[in-house]
Protein backbone atom coordinates (compact mmCIF):
# COMPACT_ATOMS: atom_id res chain seq x y z
CA MET A 1 16.31 -46.42 23.07
CA THR A 2 17.12 -42.78 23.76
CA ARG A 3 16.07 -39.86 21.60
CA PHE A 4 19.04 -38.14 19.98
CA ILE A 5 17.01 -35.31 18.43
CA ILE A 6 16.04 -32.60 20.86
CA ASP A 7 12.88 -30.86 19.66
CA ARG A 8 12.30 -27.84 21.89
CA PRO A 9 11.12 -24.93 19.70
CA ASP A 10 10.13 -22.97 22.82
CA LEU A 11 13.84 -22.62 23.69
CA GLN A 12 14.77 -21.11 20.32
CA SER A 13 15.31 -17.37 20.01
CA MET A 14 13.47 -15.37 17.36
CA THR A 15 16.67 -15.18 15.31
CA GLN A 16 16.97 -18.96 15.28
CA LYS A 17 13.29 -19.45 14.40
CA TYR A 18 13.43 -17.00 11.48
CA GLY A 19 16.80 -18.36 10.39
CA PHE A 20 15.57 -21.96 10.25
CA GLY A 21 12.34 -20.91 8.54
CA SER A 22 14.25 -18.91 5.90
CA LEU A 23 16.63 -21.82 5.31
CA THR A 24 13.70 -24.23 4.86
CA LEU A 25 12.02 -21.89 2.37
CA LEU A 26 15.28 -21.46 0.45
CA LEU A 27 15.80 -25.23 0.18
CA TRP A 28 12.20 -25.80 -1.02
CA VAL A 29 12.70 -23.15 -3.73
CA ALA A 30 15.97 -24.83 -4.78
CA TYR A 31 14.23 -28.23 -4.92
CA LEU A 32 11.43 -26.87 -7.11
CA TYR A 33 14.02 -25.15 -9.30
CA LEU A 34 15.49 -28.58 -10.09
CA TRP A 35 12.15 -29.67 -11.60
CA ILE A 36 11.91 -26.71 -14.02
CA PRO A 37 13.58 -28.47 -17.01
CA LEU A 38 11.18 -31.43 -16.88
CA ILE A 39 8.16 -29.13 -16.46
CA SER A 40 9.35 -27.01 -19.39
CA VAL A 41 9.74 -30.04 -21.68
CA MET A 42 6.28 -31.33 -20.77
CA ALA A 43 4.70 -27.91 -21.34
CA TRP A 44 6.45 -27.57 -24.68
CA VAL A 45 5.26 -30.98 -25.87
CA ILE A 46 1.67 -30.30 -24.75
CA GLY A 47 1.77 -26.73 -26.13
CA VAL A 48 3.01 -27.78 -29.57
CA HIS A 49 0.33 -30.43 -29.84
CA LEU A 50 -2.42 -28.03 -28.72
CA PHE A 51 -1.19 -25.28 -31.05
CA HIS A 52 -1.16 -27.64 -34.06
CA HIS A 53 -4.58 -29.02 -33.17
CA HIS A 54 -6.38 -25.69 -32.63
CA VAL A 55 -4.66 -23.41 -35.16
CA ILE A 56 -3.84 -25.69 -38.07
CA GLU A 57 -6.41 -28.50 -37.97
CA ARG A 58 -9.49 -26.61 -36.70
CA GLY A 59 -8.85 -23.29 -38.53
CA GLY A 60 -8.19 -21.18 -35.46
CA LEU A 61 -6.26 -18.58 -37.44
CA ARG A 62 -9.41 -17.46 -39.29
CA GLN A 63 -11.33 -17.27 -36.00
CA LEU A 64 -8.52 -15.18 -34.50
CA ALA A 65 -8.77 -12.72 -37.40
CA LEU A 66 -12.57 -12.45 -36.95
CA ASP A 67 -12.17 -11.87 -33.19
CA LEU A 68 -9.53 -9.19 -33.72
CA ARG A 69 -11.82 -7.40 -36.20
CA GLN A 70 -14.71 -7.44 -33.68
CA TYR A 71 -12.46 -6.22 -30.87
CA GLY A 72 -11.16 -3.46 -33.16
CA VAL A 73 -14.71 -2.25 -33.83
CA VAL A 74 -15.48 -2.17 -30.09
CA VAL A 75 -12.27 -0.23 -29.34
CA CYS A 76 -13.01 2.27 -32.13
CA VAL A 77 -16.54 2.86 -30.76
CA MET A 78 -15.14 3.43 -27.27
CA VAL A 79 -12.54 5.91 -28.57
CA ALA A 80 -15.23 7.75 -30.58
CA VAL A 81 -17.50 8.05 -27.50
CA TYR A 82 -14.61 9.34 -25.37
CA LEU A 83 -13.55 11.90 -28.00
CA ALA A 84 -17.16 13.08 -28.45
CA TRP A 85 -17.47 13.56 -24.69
CA ALA A 86 -14.17 15.48 -24.53
CA VAL A 87 -15.07 17.76 -27.45
CA SER A 88 -18.56 18.45 -26.07
CA ASN A 89 -17.07 19.41 -22.69
CA TYR A 90 -14.55 21.66 -24.39
CA LEU A 91 -17.27 23.42 -26.42
CA ARG A 92 -19.53 23.72 -23.39
CA PHE A 93 -16.97 25.13 -20.94
CA ARG A 94 -14.48 26.96 -23.20
CA HIS A 95 -15.71 30.48 -22.30
CA THR A 96 -16.31 29.93 -18.60
CA ARG A 97 -13.94 31.40 -16.04
CA ARG A 98 -12.11 28.79 -14.04
CA LEU A 99 -12.16 29.01 -10.28
CA GLY A 100 -9.01 30.48 -8.77
CA ASN A 101 -7.48 29.76 -5.41
CA ALA A 102 -9.90 29.87 -2.50
CA PRO A 103 -9.35 32.78 -0.12
CA GLU A 104 -7.47 32.00 3.08
CA VAL A 105 -9.81 31.40 6.00
CA THR A 106 -8.87 33.46 9.05
CA ARG A 107 -9.78 32.92 12.68
CA ALA A 108 -12.09 35.93 12.52
CA MET A 109 -13.97 34.37 9.60
CA LEU A 110 -14.34 31.07 11.47
CA ALA A 111 -15.44 32.85 14.64
CA GLY A 112 -18.06 34.78 12.68
CA HIS A 113 -19.30 31.67 10.89
CA PHE A 114 -19.66 29.56 14.04
CA ASN A 115 -20.71 32.54 16.21
CA VAL A 116 -17.97 31.99 18.81
CA GLU A 117 -15.05 34.08 20.06
CA GLU A 118 -11.67 34.10 18.31
CA ALA A 119 -9.92 32.81 21.43
CA GLU A 120 -12.20 29.75 21.40
CA VAL A 121 -11.39 29.15 17.70
CA GLU A 122 -7.68 29.35 18.50
CA ARG A 123 -8.08 26.86 21.36
CA LEU A 124 -10.03 24.44 19.14
CA GLN A 125 -7.44 24.69 16.37
CA SER A 126 -4.72 23.67 18.81
CA LEU A 127 -6.57 20.42 19.62
CA ARG A 128 -6.11 17.26 17.61
CA ILE A 129 -9.75 16.15 17.90
CA CYS A 130 -12.76 18.11 19.08
CA GLU A 131 -16.48 17.42 19.16
CA MET A 132 -19.00 20.13 18.28
CA SER A 133 -22.76 19.84 18.83
CA HIS A 134 -25.17 21.86 16.71
CA ASP A 135 -28.83 22.75 17.01
CA GLU A 136 -31.39 22.45 14.19
CA GLN A 137 -30.33 25.78 12.65
CA GLY A 138 -26.64 24.79 12.56
CA ASN A 139 -25.51 26.97 15.45
CA VAL A 140 -22.81 25.62 17.76
CA VAL A 141 -24.27 24.75 21.16
CA ALA A 142 -21.41 22.76 22.75
CA MET A 143 -17.73 22.03 22.14
CA ARG A 144 -15.36 19.68 23.90
CA ALA A 145 -11.91 18.22 23.35
CA LEU A 146 -11.56 14.48 22.82
CA VAL A 147 -8.54 12.55 24.02
CA LEU A 148 -7.77 9.21 22.45
CA ARG A 149 -6.29 6.55 24.66
CA SER A 150 -3.77 4.46 22.81
CA ARG A 151 -1.47 1.68 23.89
CA LEU A 152 1.02 2.67 21.22
CA ARG A 153 3.71 5.22 21.95
CA PRO A 154 3.60 8.34 19.78
CA VAL A 155 6.31 8.49 17.14
CA GLY A 156 8.14 11.51 18.53
CA VAL A 157 8.46 10.28 22.12
CA VAL A 158 11.98 9.71 23.39
CA ARG A 159 12.42 7.31 26.29
CA ARG A 160 14.44 8.95 29.04
CA TRP A 161 14.99 5.91 31.20
CA PRO A 162 16.68 2.78 29.87
CA ARG A 163 14.51 -0.29 29.97
CA ARG A 164 17.40 -2.54 30.90
CA GLY A 165 20.97 -1.88 31.78
CA ARG A 166 23.54 -1.78 34.49
CA VAL A 167 22.51 -0.51 37.88
CA GLY A 168 25.32 0.97 39.88
CA PRO A 169 26.60 4.12 41.52
CA ASN A 170 26.71 6.01 38.20
CA LEU A 171 23.27 5.02 36.91
CA THR A 172 19.81 5.18 38.34
CA ARG A 173 17.04 2.65 37.82
CA GLY A 174 14.22 5.01 36.95
CA PRO A 175 12.30 8.01 38.18
CA GLY A 176 12.19 8.20 41.95
CA GLN A 177 14.47 5.20 42.43
CA GLY A 178 17.83 6.89 42.74
CA SER A 179 19.40 10.03 44.01
CA SER A 180 19.36 13.30 42.10
CA ALA A 181 23.19 13.17 41.85
CA SER A 182 23.09 9.81 40.07
CA TYR A 183 20.40 11.14 37.73
CA ALA A 184 22.55 14.18 36.91
CA ARG A 185 25.55 11.93 36.16
CA TRP A 186 23.37 9.73 33.98
CA ARG A 187 22.14 12.78 32.05
CA GLN A 188 25.73 13.89 31.43
CA GLY A 189 26.54 10.54 29.86
CA ILE A 190 28.65 8.95 32.57
CA GLY A 191 28.37 5.18 32.44
CA ARG A 192 26.57 4.92 29.12
């Protein structure tokens, strides 16, 4: 007997895999949707019985009123504590002057604070990450730039060379692999 179903998921493209997975999920949702009326009827029957048992027979309505009264007292106490805190803060700080905007920090101020030259402050501000070592008194004793190695491409980088494409007289394969004339034609848009 020969197998008529070919099961080779390794030969499927990503579009086919996601397409088949999405279709399977959609059909399972549709199948569960067909059961909703029966589930609703069962829940209604059980809910009506439970409601009648707990509220009517066992006096749950009186217990609900007692619980709501207790919760109301707790909420009122919480509101009173919050209002007392807000009023006490208002009375305590009503005549104090609020802080305004902080003055702008200049390079000269930073250089004076860290006891370095302004040119060094400007160089450090141009770096993304720098490491500063301090002594026990807080004075700067060493500074160095840190470079992070990342496998990810930065967001603003534009790729100049196509990863794949036609290779011919009008296009070059990459840096150093073609003539400067073909690179110039590629830059002008010939053969795109």
